[in-house]
N, C-alpha and C. Protein backbone atom coordinates (compact mmCIF):
# COMPACT_ATOMS: atom_id res chain seq x y z
N MET A 1 0.82 -1.17 0.00
CA MET A 1 0.00 0.00 0.00
C MET A 1 0.88 1.25 0.00
N ASN A 2 0.39 2.26 -0.65
CA ASN A 2 1.12 3.53 -0.73
C ASN A 2 2.54 3.36 -1.24
N GLY A 3 2.74 2.37 -2.10
CA GLY A 3 4.05 2.16 -2.70
C GLY A 3 5.03 1.39 -1.84
N LEU A 4 4.58 0.91 -0.68
CA LEU A 4 5.46 0.17 0.21
C LEU A 4 5.39 -1.33 -0.08
N VAL A 5 6.49 -1.99 0.14
CA VAL A 5 6.58 -3.43 -0.08
C VAL A 5 5.86 -4.16 1.07
N ALA A 6 5.05 -5.15 0.69
CA ALA A 6 4.38 -5.99 1.67
C ALA A 6 4.99 -7.39 1.60
N VAL A 7 5.10 -8.05 2.74
CA VAL A 7 5.70 -9.39 2.81
C VAL A 7 4.79 -10.32 3.61
N ARG A 8 5.18 -11.61 3.64
CA ARG A 8 4.46 -12.63 4.40
C ARG A 8 2.99 -12.70 3.98
N GLY A 9 2.81 -12.95 2.68
CA GLY A 9 1.45 -13.06 2.18
C GLY A 9 0.71 -11.74 2.22
N TRP A 10 1.46 -10.69 2.09
CA TRP A 10 0.93 -9.31 2.10
C TRP A 10 0.39 -8.90 3.46
N ALA A 11 0.69 -9.67 4.50
CA ALA A 11 0.17 -9.37 5.83
C ALA A 11 0.98 -8.29 6.54
N ASP A 12 2.27 -8.19 6.23
CA ASP A 12 3.14 -7.23 6.91
C ASP A 12 3.67 -6.20 5.92
N MET A 13 3.51 -4.93 6.29
CA MET A 13 4.05 -3.84 5.48
C MET A 13 5.45 -3.51 5.95
N THR A 14 6.33 -3.26 4.99
CA THR A 14 7.68 -2.82 5.33
C THR A 14 7.73 -1.30 5.24
N GLU A 15 8.89 -0.75 5.47
CA GLU A 15 9.09 0.69 5.33
C GLU A 15 9.79 1.00 4.01
N LYS A 16 9.96 -0.02 3.17
CA LYS A 16 10.71 0.13 1.93
C LYS A 16 9.76 0.37 0.76
N LEU A 17 10.09 1.36 -0.04
CA LEU A 17 9.31 1.62 -1.25
C LEU A 17 9.56 0.53 -2.29
N ALA A 18 8.54 0.23 -3.06
CA ALA A 18 8.67 -0.78 -4.12
C ALA A 18 9.77 -0.40 -5.10
N THR A 19 9.90 0.88 -5.41
CA THR A 19 10.95 1.29 -6.35
C THR A 19 12.34 1.03 -5.78
N GLU A 20 12.52 1.26 -4.48
CA GLU A 20 13.81 0.98 -3.83
C GLU A 20 14.13 -0.51 -3.90
N MET A 21 13.13 -1.33 -3.56
CA MET A 21 13.33 -2.78 -3.57
C MET A 21 13.65 -3.26 -4.99
N ALA A 22 12.92 -2.74 -5.96
CA ALA A 22 13.15 -3.14 -7.35
C ALA A 22 14.56 -2.78 -7.80
N LYS A 23 15.03 -1.60 -7.42
CA LYS A 23 16.40 -1.19 -7.77
C LYS A 23 17.43 -2.11 -7.11
N GLU A 24 17.19 -2.48 -5.86
CA GLU A 24 18.09 -3.41 -5.18
C GLU A 24 18.11 -4.76 -5.90
N MET A 25 16.94 -5.26 -6.23
CA MET A 25 16.84 -6.56 -6.91
C MET A 25 17.51 -6.51 -8.29
N GLU A 26 17.36 -5.39 -8.95
CA GLU A 26 18.03 -5.20 -10.24
C GLU A 26 19.55 -5.32 -10.06
N GLY A 27 20.06 -4.74 -8.98
CA GLY A 27 21.48 -4.81 -8.68
C GLY A 27 21.96 -6.21 -8.36
N PHE A 28 21.06 -7.08 -7.91
CA PHE A 28 21.40 -8.46 -7.62
C PHE A 28 21.30 -9.36 -8.84
N GLY A 29 20.91 -8.79 -9.98
CA GLY A 29 20.83 -9.58 -11.20
C GLY A 29 19.46 -10.15 -11.52
N VAL A 30 18.44 -9.74 -10.77
CA VAL A 30 17.07 -10.18 -11.08
C VAL A 30 16.74 -9.72 -12.49
N GLU A 31 16.10 -10.58 -13.26
CA GLU A 31 15.84 -10.27 -14.66
C GLU A 31 14.51 -9.61 -14.92
N ALA A 32 13.58 -9.65 -13.99
CA ALA A 32 12.28 -9.00 -14.14
C ALA A 32 11.63 -8.86 -12.77
N ILE A 33 10.70 -7.93 -12.67
CA ILE A 33 9.97 -7.68 -11.44
C ILE A 33 8.49 -7.89 -11.71
N ILE A 34 7.83 -8.66 -10.86
CA ILE A 34 6.37 -8.75 -10.91
C ILE A 34 5.85 -7.72 -9.91
N TYR A 35 5.08 -6.77 -10.42
CA TYR A 35 4.53 -5.72 -9.56
C TYR A 35 3.04 -5.94 -9.37
N THR A 36 2.63 -6.15 -8.13
CA THR A 36 1.23 -6.33 -7.78
C THR A 36 0.79 -5.23 -6.84
N ASP A 37 -0.22 -4.49 -7.24
CA ASP A 37 -0.84 -3.53 -6.33
C ASP A 37 -1.81 -4.35 -5.49
N ILE A 38 -1.44 -4.62 -4.24
CA ILE A 38 -2.22 -5.55 -3.42
C ILE A 38 -3.59 -5.00 -3.07
N ALA A 39 -3.79 -3.71 -3.16
CA ALA A 39 -5.11 -3.14 -2.90
C ALA A 39 -6.08 -3.48 -4.02
N ARG A 40 -5.54 -3.84 -5.19
CA ARG A 40 -6.39 -4.13 -6.34
C ARG A 40 -6.43 -5.61 -6.71
N ASP A 41 -5.50 -6.38 -6.18
CA ASP A 41 -5.40 -7.78 -6.57
C ASP A 41 -6.69 -8.53 -6.23
N GLY A 42 -7.25 -9.20 -7.22
CA GLY A 42 -8.46 -9.97 -7.02
C GLY A 42 -9.73 -9.14 -6.96
N MET A 43 -9.61 -7.82 -7.04
CA MET A 43 -10.77 -6.95 -6.93
C MET A 43 -11.41 -6.66 -8.29
N MET A 44 -10.69 -6.92 -9.35
CA MET A 44 -11.18 -6.69 -10.72
C MET A 44 -11.66 -5.25 -10.92
N GLN A 45 -10.87 -4.29 -10.41
CA GLN A 45 -11.19 -2.87 -10.54
C GLN A 45 -10.20 -2.16 -11.45
N GLY A 46 -9.40 -2.92 -12.15
CA GLY A 46 -8.40 -2.34 -13.04
C GLY A 46 -7.06 -2.24 -12.35
N PRO A 47 -5.98 -2.42 -13.12
CA PRO A 47 -4.64 -2.33 -12.54
C PRO A 47 -4.25 -0.89 -12.24
N ASN A 48 -3.27 -0.72 -11.40
CA ASN A 48 -2.75 0.61 -11.08
C ASN A 48 -1.73 0.96 -12.17
N ILE A 49 -2.25 1.54 -13.25
CA ILE A 49 -1.43 1.85 -14.42
C ILE A 49 -0.31 2.82 -14.07
N GLU A 50 -0.64 3.88 -13.37
CA GLU A 50 0.35 4.92 -13.07
C GLU A 50 1.49 4.38 -12.20
N ALA A 51 1.17 3.65 -11.15
CA ALA A 51 2.22 3.11 -10.28
C ALA A 51 3.07 2.09 -11.03
N THR A 52 2.44 1.31 -11.88
CA THR A 52 3.18 0.32 -12.68
C THR A 52 4.13 1.02 -13.63
N ARG A 53 3.64 2.08 -14.28
CA ARG A 53 4.49 2.84 -15.20
C ARG A 53 5.67 3.48 -14.46
N LEU A 54 5.39 4.09 -13.32
CA LEU A 54 6.46 4.74 -12.56
C LEU A 54 7.53 3.75 -12.13
N LEU A 55 7.12 2.58 -11.67
CA LEU A 55 8.10 1.56 -11.29
C LEU A 55 8.93 1.14 -12.49
N ALA A 56 8.26 0.87 -13.60
CA ALA A 56 8.97 0.42 -14.81
C ALA A 56 9.98 1.47 -15.28
N GLU A 57 9.62 2.73 -15.16
CA GLU A 57 10.53 3.80 -15.59
C GLU A 57 11.69 4.01 -14.62
N ALA A 58 11.55 3.54 -13.39
CA ALA A 58 12.59 3.72 -12.37
C ALA A 58 13.70 2.68 -12.46
N ILE A 59 13.46 1.60 -13.20
CA ILE A 59 14.45 0.52 -13.28
C ILE A 59 14.73 0.18 -14.74
N ASN A 60 15.74 -0.65 -14.94
CA ASN A 60 16.16 -1.01 -16.29
C ASN A 60 15.88 -2.47 -16.64
N ILE A 61 15.02 -3.11 -15.86
CA ILE A 61 14.63 -4.48 -16.16
C ILE A 61 13.11 -4.50 -16.37
N PRO A 62 12.61 -5.51 -17.05
CA PRO A 62 11.18 -5.56 -17.33
C PRO A 62 10.31 -5.67 -16.08
N VAL A 63 9.11 -5.12 -16.20
CA VAL A 63 8.10 -5.21 -15.15
C VAL A 63 6.91 -5.98 -15.70
N ILE A 64 6.42 -6.90 -14.91
CA ILE A 64 5.22 -7.67 -15.24
C ILE A 64 4.12 -7.17 -14.32
N ALA A 65 3.04 -6.66 -14.92
CA ALA A 65 1.94 -6.06 -14.16
C ALA A 65 1.01 -7.13 -13.63
N SER A 66 0.53 -6.92 -12.40
CA SER A 66 -0.36 -7.87 -11.76
C SER A 66 -1.30 -7.11 -10.82
N GLY A 67 -2.50 -7.63 -10.68
CA GLY A 67 -3.42 -7.06 -9.71
C GLY A 67 -4.50 -6.19 -10.31
N GLY A 68 -5.74 -6.66 -10.25
CA GLY A 68 -6.89 -5.86 -10.64
C GLY A 68 -7.38 -6.00 -12.06
N LEU A 69 -6.64 -6.71 -12.89
CA LEU A 69 -7.03 -6.83 -14.30
C LEU A 69 -8.44 -7.37 -14.41
N SER A 70 -9.28 -6.69 -15.23
CA SER A 70 -10.68 -7.12 -15.32
C SER A 70 -11.28 -7.08 -16.72
N THR A 71 -10.63 -6.39 -17.64
CA THR A 71 -11.19 -6.26 -18.99
C THR A 71 -10.07 -6.24 -20.03
N LEU A 72 -10.47 -6.41 -21.28
CA LEU A 72 -9.50 -6.26 -22.37
C LEU A 72 -8.99 -4.82 -22.43
N ASP A 73 -9.81 -3.87 -22.03
CA ASP A 73 -9.35 -2.48 -21.99
C ASP A 73 -8.21 -2.30 -21.00
N ASP A 74 -8.22 -3.04 -19.89
CA ASP A 74 -7.09 -2.99 -18.95
C ASP A 74 -5.82 -3.45 -19.65
N ILE A 75 -5.93 -4.49 -20.43
CA ILE A 75 -4.77 -4.99 -21.17
C ILE A 75 -4.31 -3.94 -22.17
N ARG A 76 -5.24 -3.32 -22.88
CA ARG A 76 -4.88 -2.26 -23.83
C ARG A 76 -4.13 -1.13 -23.13
N ARG A 77 -4.63 -0.73 -21.96
CA ARG A 77 -3.99 0.36 -21.22
C ARG A 77 -2.57 -0.02 -20.77
N LEU A 78 -2.39 -1.26 -20.37
CA LEU A 78 -1.04 -1.70 -20.00
C LEU A 78 -0.14 -1.79 -21.22
N MET A 79 -0.68 -2.19 -22.34
CA MET A 79 0.12 -2.26 -23.56
C MET A 79 0.59 -0.86 -23.98
N GLU A 80 -0.18 0.17 -23.64
CA GLU A 80 0.20 1.55 -23.96
C GLU A 80 1.45 2.00 -23.21
N ILE A 81 1.77 1.35 -22.10
CA ILE A 81 2.97 1.74 -21.34
C ILE A 81 4.10 0.72 -21.53
N GLU A 82 3.99 -0.09 -22.55
CA GLU A 82 5.04 -1.08 -22.82
C GLU A 82 6.40 -0.41 -23.01
N ALA A 83 6.42 0.75 -23.65
CA ALA A 83 7.69 1.45 -23.88
C ALA A 83 8.35 1.87 -22.56
N SER A 84 7.59 1.93 -21.49
CA SER A 84 8.15 2.27 -20.17
C SER A 84 8.87 1.08 -19.54
N GLY A 85 8.63 -0.12 -20.10
CA GLY A 85 9.29 -1.31 -19.57
C GLY A 85 8.34 -2.37 -19.06
N VAL A 86 7.03 -2.17 -19.26
CA VAL A 86 6.05 -3.17 -18.84
C VAL A 86 5.94 -4.20 -19.96
N THR A 87 6.39 -5.41 -19.68
CA THR A 87 6.48 -6.41 -20.75
C THR A 87 5.57 -7.61 -20.57
N GLY A 88 4.80 -7.63 -19.50
CA GLY A 88 3.92 -8.77 -19.28
C GLY A 88 2.78 -8.41 -18.35
N ILE A 89 1.77 -9.29 -18.36
CA ILE A 89 0.58 -9.08 -17.54
C ILE A 89 0.19 -10.42 -16.93
N ILE A 90 -0.14 -10.39 -15.65
CA ILE A 90 -0.66 -11.59 -14.98
C ILE A 90 -2.13 -11.35 -14.67
N THR A 91 -2.95 -12.33 -14.99
CA THR A 91 -4.36 -12.27 -14.62
C THR A 91 -4.78 -13.63 -14.09
N GLY A 92 -5.74 -13.61 -13.24
CA GLY A 92 -6.25 -14.86 -12.67
C GLY A 92 -7.76 -14.81 -12.62
N LYS A 93 -8.28 -14.07 -11.66
CA LYS A 93 -9.71 -14.04 -11.41
C LYS A 93 -10.51 -13.63 -12.65
N ALA A 94 -10.00 -12.70 -13.43
CA ALA A 94 -10.74 -12.24 -14.62
C ALA A 94 -10.94 -13.38 -15.62
N ILE A 95 -9.98 -14.27 -15.71
CA ILE A 95 -10.14 -15.42 -16.61
C ILE A 95 -11.05 -16.46 -15.97
N TYR A 96 -10.83 -16.75 -14.69
CA TYR A 96 -11.64 -17.76 -14.00
C TYR A 96 -13.12 -17.39 -13.99
N SER A 97 -13.40 -16.08 -13.84
CA SER A 97 -14.78 -15.62 -13.75
C SER A 97 -15.43 -15.46 -15.12
N GLY A 98 -14.61 -15.48 -16.18
CA GLY A 98 -15.14 -15.29 -17.53
C GLY A 98 -15.19 -13.84 -17.97
N ALA A 99 -14.70 -12.92 -17.14
CA ALA A 99 -14.69 -11.50 -17.50
C ALA A 99 -13.77 -11.23 -18.68
N ILE A 100 -12.71 -12.02 -18.79
CA ILE A 100 -11.78 -11.93 -19.92
C ILE A 100 -11.69 -13.31 -20.55
N ASP A 101 -11.82 -13.34 -21.87
CA ASP A 101 -11.63 -14.57 -22.62
C ASP A 101 -10.13 -14.68 -22.92
N LEU A 102 -9.52 -15.77 -22.49
CA LEU A 102 -8.07 -15.93 -22.65
C LEU A 102 -7.66 -15.84 -24.11
N ARG A 103 -8.41 -16.47 -25.01
CA ARG A 103 -8.06 -16.41 -26.44
C ARG A 103 -8.07 -14.98 -26.96
N GLU A 104 -9.06 -14.21 -26.56
CA GLU A 104 -9.13 -12.81 -26.98
C GLU A 104 -7.97 -12.01 -26.40
N ALA A 105 -7.63 -12.27 -25.15
CA ALA A 105 -6.52 -11.55 -24.51
C ALA A 105 -5.21 -11.84 -25.23
N VAL A 106 -4.97 -13.09 -25.55
CA VAL A 106 -3.74 -13.46 -26.25
C VAL A 106 -3.74 -12.83 -27.65
N ALA A 107 -4.86 -12.89 -28.33
CA ALA A 107 -4.95 -12.28 -29.67
C ALA A 107 -4.69 -10.79 -29.60
N LEU A 108 -5.20 -10.13 -28.58
CA LEU A 108 -4.97 -8.69 -28.41
C LEU A 108 -3.49 -8.39 -28.25
N THR A 109 -2.81 -9.16 -27.41
CA THR A 109 -1.39 -8.90 -27.17
C THR A 109 -0.53 -9.20 -28.38
N LYS A 110 -1.02 -10.05 -29.26
CA LYS A 110 -0.28 -10.37 -30.49
C LYS A 110 -0.65 -9.45 -31.64
N GLY A 111 -1.61 -8.55 -31.41
CA GLY A 111 -2.02 -7.62 -32.44
C GLY A 111 -3.03 -8.22 -33.42
N ASP A 112 -3.60 -9.37 -33.08
CA ASP A 112 -4.57 -10.00 -33.96
C ASP A 112 -5.95 -9.37 -33.88
N ILE A 113 -6.23 -8.66 -32.78
CA ILE A 113 -7.45 -7.86 -32.64
C ILE A 113 -7.06 -6.54 -32.03
N SER A 114 -7.94 -5.56 -32.15
CA SER A 114 -7.63 -4.26 -31.53
C SER A 114 -8.69 -3.85 -30.56
């Protein structure tokens, strides 16, 4: 929450900003960061586009967006910030609930539909 890293199943908040942690992990040779806005995860209210973009722009390794995805429009919005370093998207509940059709989502990311 508020850009701070959560640990232990998101039960404990640290005092470290996600951008700080991501920069440290980058320095250790981590090849990508999965960024989940825990306030949105599983809520299907849309991903935190701005925070995801800011994190991706703060580091030099790819960011995989997670948390809140609910529509193909969410995927489109994340694809718009690909140049910032967002190279992947994780979704769960939206597919399980039928809110997003996996075939359509894959086709969208491949440019087969718009």
